[in-house]
Amino acid sequence: MFVEINGAQLNVEVLGDENAPVLIAHHGGGGIGSLAEPKATFGPLADLFRVIVFDARGCGLSEAAPPYSHAQWAADVDALREWAGAEKIVVTGGSYGGFIAMEYAIAYPDRVSAMILRDTSPDRENLASAIESARKQTRVKLNWDNYDRYWSGNIRDDADLKACWAELIPLYDYEYDPVAATARVEAGIYRHEAHNWCFQHNAPIYDVKPQLPSVTCPTLVTVGRVDWITPVSSAETIASLIPNSKLVIFEKSGHSPQIEEAELFQQTMRDFLAEALPDLGSVAR
């Protein structure tokens, strides 16, 4: 369905009982992301929550209505919370979506009952370490001009974004499967305006480390052991700064433990939620 949120028509899907507590999941990827990933990751929790997934403004099928700033995307999450009639939510996000989840928990602390983060970073330092990882890897040969244009937000159009992403995707998995990677590229929805905004305007000023100690909600921080773009060190920094946090490292995963170690990831979330939100009642084991 399309819902008008802060003046933009957003593509929204809702799973689970309308009377259940609300979980809102923000997708990753900036202009390459959509609700498909958080739906697959958090949809199984619809036995416990009213799970809301959506395409952020300028992403997926949602309306192109700038700005695509972190503040705007966090405000859209809060407007979705209000639309859902929830006083508090569990906020979740993976990769770039983790940036927005943290920004939301910082800006709207009274609205968050718990937070789940997956393979994300508290600042832009991960991009500096990533280029070292990219230069050392032997999995694929990279076009460095395309690499630089991608991470600096200088993509020409949607087709260019898709082509650049196709070059990078082999770096993301624990075990590279070219057939599966190609399928993921083809399934994507590409919005270069939002992508460029992320890396021209958002990334240069992104640093939530000073604010993370103020986050009081229980927080699960997860990361794949060989994640090249948001490495274990980024997750460790987040967990060290959020007082009530738990760090879980998935040993046989890259950037997507929710896919590469799916069963363990789902159980890890359920164990965390059972402890963080005891009022949920019995959690299926």
Protein backbone atom coordinates (compact mmCIF):
# COMPACT_ATOMS: atom_id res chain seq x y z
CA MET A 1 0.00 0.00 0.00
CA PHE A 2 1.04 3.62 -0.40
CA VAL A 3 0.86 5.85 2.67
CA GLU A 4 1.49 9.59 2.73
CA ILE A 5 4.23 10.20 5.28
CA ASN A 6 5.57 13.72 5.80
CA GLY A 7 4.42 14.73 2.34
CA ALA A 8 5.81 11.70 0.47
CA GLN A 9 3.99 8.64 -0.81
CA LEU A 10 5.81 5.67 0.73
CA ASN A 11 5.42 2.03 -0.25
CA VAL A 12 4.53 0.24 3.01
CA GLU A 13 3.80 -3.38 3.95
CA VAL A 14 2.45 -4.54 7.31
CA LEU A 15 2.72 -8.07 8.66
CA GLY A 16 1.28 -9.54 11.85
CA ASP A 17 -1.58 -8.85 14.23
CA GLU A 18 -2.74 -5.24 14.31
CA ASN A 19 -2.87 -5.37 18.11
CA ALA A 20 0.70 -6.62 18.53
CA PRO A 21 3.62 -4.39 19.52
CA VAL A 22 5.11 -2.57 16.53
CA LEU A 23 8.49 -3.23 14.96
CA ILE A 24 9.62 -0.86 12.19
CA ALA A 25 12.51 -2.01 10.00
CA HIS A 26 14.55 0.33 7.82
CA HIS A 27 16.21 -1.18 4.76
CA GLY A 28 19.85 -0.69 3.90
CA GLY A 29 21.49 0.39 0.71
CA GLY A 30 20.36 3.97 0.35
CA GLY A 31 19.34 4.17 -3.30
CA ILE A 32 19.82 0.44 -3.92
CA GLY A 33 17.64 -0.68 -1.01
CA SER A 34 13.99 -1.61 -0.68
CA LEU A 35 11.61 -3.25 1.76
CA ALA A 36 12.37 -6.72 0.33
CA GLU A 37 15.38 -7.33 2.61
CA PRO A 38 13.83 -6.26 5.94
CA LYS A 39 10.64 -8.11 5.01
CA ALA A 40 12.62 -11.33 4.64
CA THR A 41 14.67 -10.64 7.77
CA PHE A 42 12.04 -9.36 10.19
CA GLY A 43 8.89 -10.78 8.63
CA PRO A 44 9.33 -14.04 10.58
CA LEU A 45 8.86 -11.99 13.78
CA ALA A 46 5.25 -11.28 12.74
CA ASP A 47 4.18 -13.95 15.24
CA LEU A 48 5.27 -11.51 17.96
CA PHE A 49 5.01 -8.06 16.36
CA ARG A 50 3.14 -5.93 13.90
CA VAL A 51 6.09 -5.70 11.53
CA ILE A 52 6.19 -2.59 9.32
CA VAL A 53 8.58 -2.50 6.37
CA PHE A 54 8.73 0.23 3.76
CA ASP A 55 10.69 1.79 0.95
CA ALA A 56 12.30 4.98 2.25
CA ARG A 57 11.54 8.16 0.32
CA GLY A 58 13.47 8.14 -2.92
CA CYS A 59 14.05 4.37 -2.69
CA GLY A 60 12.31 1.28 -4.01
CA LEU A 61 8.83 2.23 -5.21
CA SER A 62 8.40 5.24 -2.93
CA GLU A 63 8.08 8.80 -4.16
CA ALA A 64 11.14 10.84 -4.99
CA ALA A 65 10.69 13.64 -2.47
CA PRO A 66 13.96 15.04 -1.14
CA PRO A 67 15.67 15.63 1.19
CA TYR A 68 17.11 12.14 1.65
CA SER A 69 18.85 13.15 4.85
CA HIS A 70 19.20 11.01 7.95
CA ALA A 71 17.03 13.48 9.87
CA GLN A 72 14.26 13.22 7.26
CA TRP A 73 14.40 9.43 7.07
CA ALA A 74 14.31 9.21 10.89
CA ALA A 75 11.35 11.62 10.95
CA ASP A 76 9.60 9.35 8.45
CA VAL A 77 10.08 6.40 10.80
CA ASP A 78 8.45 8.39 13.57
CA ALA A 79 5.57 9.40 11.34
CA LEU A 80 5.07 5.72 10.48
CA ARG A 81 5.03 4.96 14.21
CA GLU A 82 2.34 7.57 14.68
CA TRP A 83 0.41 6.23 11.66
CA ALA A 84 0.52 2.77 13.23
CA GLY A 85 -0.83 4.14 16.52
CA ALA A 86 2.14 2.91 18.56
CA GLU A 87 3.52 4.73 21.57
CA LYS A 88 6.82 2.88 21.32
CA ILE A 89 8.45 0.67 18.72
CA VAL A 90 11.28 -1.75 18.24
CA VAL A 91 13.43 -0.07 15.59
CA THR A 92 15.71 -2.14 13.39
CA GLY A 93 18.08 -1.59 10.52
CA GLY A 94 20.85 -3.28 8.62
CA SER A 95 23.79 -1.62 6.89
CA TYR A 96 22.68 1.91 5.89
CA GLY A 97 19.39 1.18 7.65
CA GLY A 98 21.40 0.79 10.84
CA PHE A 99 22.51 4.40 10.46
CA ILE A 100 18.87 5.47 10.44
CA ALA A 101 17.91 3.19 13.33
CA MET A 102 20.63 4.74 15.48
CA GLU A 103 19.70 8.25 14.38
CA TYR A 104 16.10 7.46 15.32
CA ALA A 105 17.01 6.12 18.76
CA ILE A 106 19.06 9.27 19.39
CA ALA A 107 16.42 11.73 18.14
CA TYR A 108 13.34 9.96 19.57
CA PRO A 109 14.58 8.13 22.69
CA ASP A 110 11.17 7.99 24.36
CA ARG A 111 9.72 6.14 21.37
CA VAL A 112 12.11 3.17 21.32
CA SER A 113 11.63 0.04 23.41
CA ALA A 114 14.51 -1.89 21.82
CA MET A 115 16.83 -1.72 18.81
CA ILE A 116 18.34 -4.36 16.53
CA LEU A 117 21.32 -3.43 14.35
CA ARG A 118 22.94 -5.55 11.65
CA ASP A 119 26.29 -4.91 9.98
CA THR A 120 26.43 -1.15 10.34
CA SER A 121 28.76 1.64 11.43
CA PRO A 122 28.67 4.62 13.82
CA ASP A 123 30.61 6.88 11.43
CA ARG A 124 32.13 6.96 7.97
CA GLU A 125 35.45 5.46 9.00
CA ASN A 126 34.28 2.11 7.65
CA LEU A 127 34.69 3.50 4.12
CA ALA A 128 38.39 4.11 4.75
CA SER A 129 38.97 0.57 5.99
CA ALA A 130 36.83 -0.83 3.19
CA ILE A 131 39.08 0.45 0.44
CA GLU A 132 42.01 -1.36 2.06
CA SER A 133 39.96 -4.57 2.14
CA ALA A 134 38.88 -4.06 -1.46
CA ARG A 135 42.48 -3.59 -2.63
CA LYS A 136 43.69 -6.70 -0.79
CA GLN A 137 40.93 -9.05 -1.94
CA THR A 138 41.53 -11.44 -4.85
CA ARG A 139 37.92 -12.49 -5.51
CA VAL A 140 37.25 -10.06 -8.37
CA LYS A 141 39.04 -7.34 -10.31
CA LEU A 142 37.51 -3.94 -9.59
CA ASN A 143 37.15 -0.89 -11.80
CA TRP A 144 38.53 1.73 -9.44
CA ASP A 145 36.94 4.65 -11.25
CA ASN A 146 33.53 3.04 -10.75
CA TYR A 147 34.42 2.24 -7.14
CA ASP A 148 35.30 5.85 -6.43
CA ARG A 149 32.19 7.19 -8.19
CA TYR A 150 29.98 4.79 -6.24
CA TRP A 151 31.26 5.72 -2.79
CA SER A 152 31.51 9.45 -3.52
CA GLY A 153 27.95 9.67 -4.85
CA ASN A 154 28.78 10.50 -8.44
CA ILE A 155 26.53 8.00 -10.19
CA ARG A 156 25.15 9.13 -13.55
CA ASP A 157 21.77 7.37 -13.68
CA ASP A 158 19.91 4.30 -12.43
CA ALA A 159 21.53 1.98 -14.97
CA ASP A 160 24.97 3.21 -13.92
CA LEU A 161 24.09 2.54 -10.27
CA LYS A 162 23.05 -1.02 -11.11
CA ALA A 163 26.24 -1.63 -13.09
CA CYS A 164 28.49 -0.29 -10.32
CA TRP A 165 26.64 -2.32 -7.70
CA ALA A 166 27.05 -5.47 -9.81
CA GLU A 167 30.83 -4.96 -9.68
CA LEU A 168 30.85 -4.60 -5.89
CA ILE A 169 28.42 -7.29 -4.80
CA PRO A 170 30.97 -10.15 -4.98
CA LEU A 171 32.78 -8.59 -2.00
CA TYR A 172 29.82 -8.89 0.35
CA ASP A 173 29.43 -12.63 0.90
CA TYR A 174 31.27 -15.14 3.09
CA GLU A 175 31.23 -17.56 0.16
CA TYR A 176 30.72 -15.93 -3.24
CA ASP A 177 28.01 -17.49 -5.40
CA PRO A 178 27.97 -15.67 -8.75
CA VAL A 179 24.55 -17.02 -9.72
CA ALA A 180 22.95 -15.89 -6.46
CA ALA A 181 24.73 -12.53 -6.64
CA THR A 182 23.50 -11.92 -10.18
CA ALA A 183 19.95 -12.78 -9.10
CA ARG A 184 20.17 -10.23 -6.28
CA VAL A 185 21.41 -7.55 -8.66
CA GLU A 186 18.56 -8.23 -11.09
CA ALA A 187 15.97 -8.17 -8.29
CA GLY A 188 17.04 -4.73 -7.11
CA ILE A 189 15.39 -1.36 -7.64
CA TYR A 190 17.91 1.39 -8.38
CA ARG A 191 17.44 5.07 -7.49
CA HIS A 192 20.62 7.01 -8.16
CA GLU A 193 19.37 10.35 -6.80
CA ALA A 194 18.97 8.94 -3.29
CA HIS A 195 22.25 7.06 -3.54
CA ASN A 196 24.14 10.19 -4.56
CA TRP A 197 22.54 12.18 -1.75
CA CYS A 198 23.70 9.56 0.77
CA PHE A 199 27.33 9.87 -0.19
CA GLN A 200 27.51 13.53 -1.19
CA HIS A 201 25.55 15.00 1.72
CA ASN A 202 25.03 12.43 4.48
CA ALA A 203 28.29 10.50 4.65
CA PRO A 204 30.63 13.50 5.04
CA ILE A 205 28.92 14.58 8.28
CA TYR A 206 27.84 11.19 9.65
CA ASP A 207 29.19 10.42 13.13
CA VAL A 208 26.85 9.30 15.92
CA LYS A 209 29.57 8.17 18.33
CA PRO A 210 29.17 11.19 20.66
CA GLN A 211 25.42 10.52 21.01
CA LEU A 212 25.44 6.72 21.37
CA PRO A 213 26.10 6.72 25.15
CA SER A 214 22.73 8.47 25.53
CA VAL A 215 20.89 5.51 23.94
CA THR A 216 19.23 3.69 26.82
CA CYS A 217 17.11 1.07 25.06
CA PRO A 218 18.29 -2.55 24.97
CA THR A 219 20.26 -2.97 21.74
CA LEU A 220 21.39 -6.02 19.79
CA VAL A 221 24.44 -5.38 17.59
CA THR A 222 25.16 -8.07 15.01
CA VAL A 223 27.87 -8.40 12.37
CA GLY A 224 29.42 -10.98 10.06
CA ARG A 225 32.99 -11.94 10.86
CA VAL A 226 34.28 -11.15 7.34
CA ASP A 227 32.09 -8.15 6.56
CA TRP A 228 34.29 -5.99 4.34
CA ILE A 229 32.22 -2.78 4.31
CA THR A 230 31.01 -2.48 7.94
CA PRO A 231 33.60 -4.61 9.73
CA VAL A 232 33.60 -6.15 13.18
CA SER A 233 35.51 -3.14 14.50
CA SER A 234 32.57 -0.88 13.60
CA ALA A 235 30.14 -3.13 15.48
CA GLU A 236 32.50 -3.29 18.45
CA THR A 237 32.59 0.51 18.61
CA ILE A 238 28.80 0.71 18.60
CA ALA A 239 28.48 -1.94 21.32
CA SER A 240 31.14 -0.26 23.45
CA LEU A 241 29.25 3.06 23.36
CA ILE A 242 25.63 1.94 23.89
CA PRO A 243 25.34 1.06 27.58
CA ASN A 244 22.68 -1.66 27.36
CA SER A 245 23.92 -3.50 24.30
CA LYS A 246 24.89 -7.00 23.27
CA LEU A 247 27.31 -7.81 20.44
CA VAL A 248 26.96 -11.03 18.44
CA ILE A 249 29.47 -11.93 15.72
CA PHE A 250 28.42 -14.47 13.10
CA GLU A 251 31.51 -16.46 12.26
CA LYS A 252 30.48 -17.74 8.83
CA SER A 253 29.02 -14.56 7.39
CA GLY A 254 30.00 -11.51 5.42
CA HIS A 255 27.68 -8.51 5.26
CA SER A 256 24.48 -10.58 5.46
CA PRO A 257 24.33 -13.01 8.41
CA GLN A 258 20.54 -12.78 8.20
CA ILE A 259 20.92 -14.76 4.95
CA GLU A 260 24.17 -16.66 5.39
CA GLU A 261 23.36 -17.93 8.90
CA ALA A 262 19.62 -17.37 8.78
CA GLU A 263 18.47 -19.85 11.42
CA LEU A 264 21.04 -18.69 13.96
CA PHE A 265 20.26 -15.05 13.19
CA GLN A 266 16.54 -15.54 13.76
CA GLN A 267 17.13 -17.34 17.04
CA THR A 268 19.58 -14.66 18.17
CA MET A 269 16.93 -11.99 17.61
CA ARG A 270 14.29 -13.99 19.46
CA ASP A 271 16.55 -14.64 22.43
CA PHE A 272 17.42 -10.94 22.62
CA LEU A 273 13.79 -9.82 22.37
CA ALA A 274 12.67 -12.31 25.01
CA GLU A 275 15.18 -10.79 27.43
CA ALA A 276 14.76 -7.15 26.38
CA LEU A 277 10.95 -7.20 26.28
CA PRO A 278 9.74 -9.78 28.79
CA ASP A 279 6.16 -8.58 28.40
CA LEU A 280 6.12 -10.18 24.96
CA GLY A 281 5.50 -13.46 26.77
CA SER A 282 6.81 -16.82 25.66
CA VAL A 283 9.04 -16.69 22.59
CA ALA A 284 8.98 -19.65 20.24
CA ARG A 285 12.15 -21.68 20.55
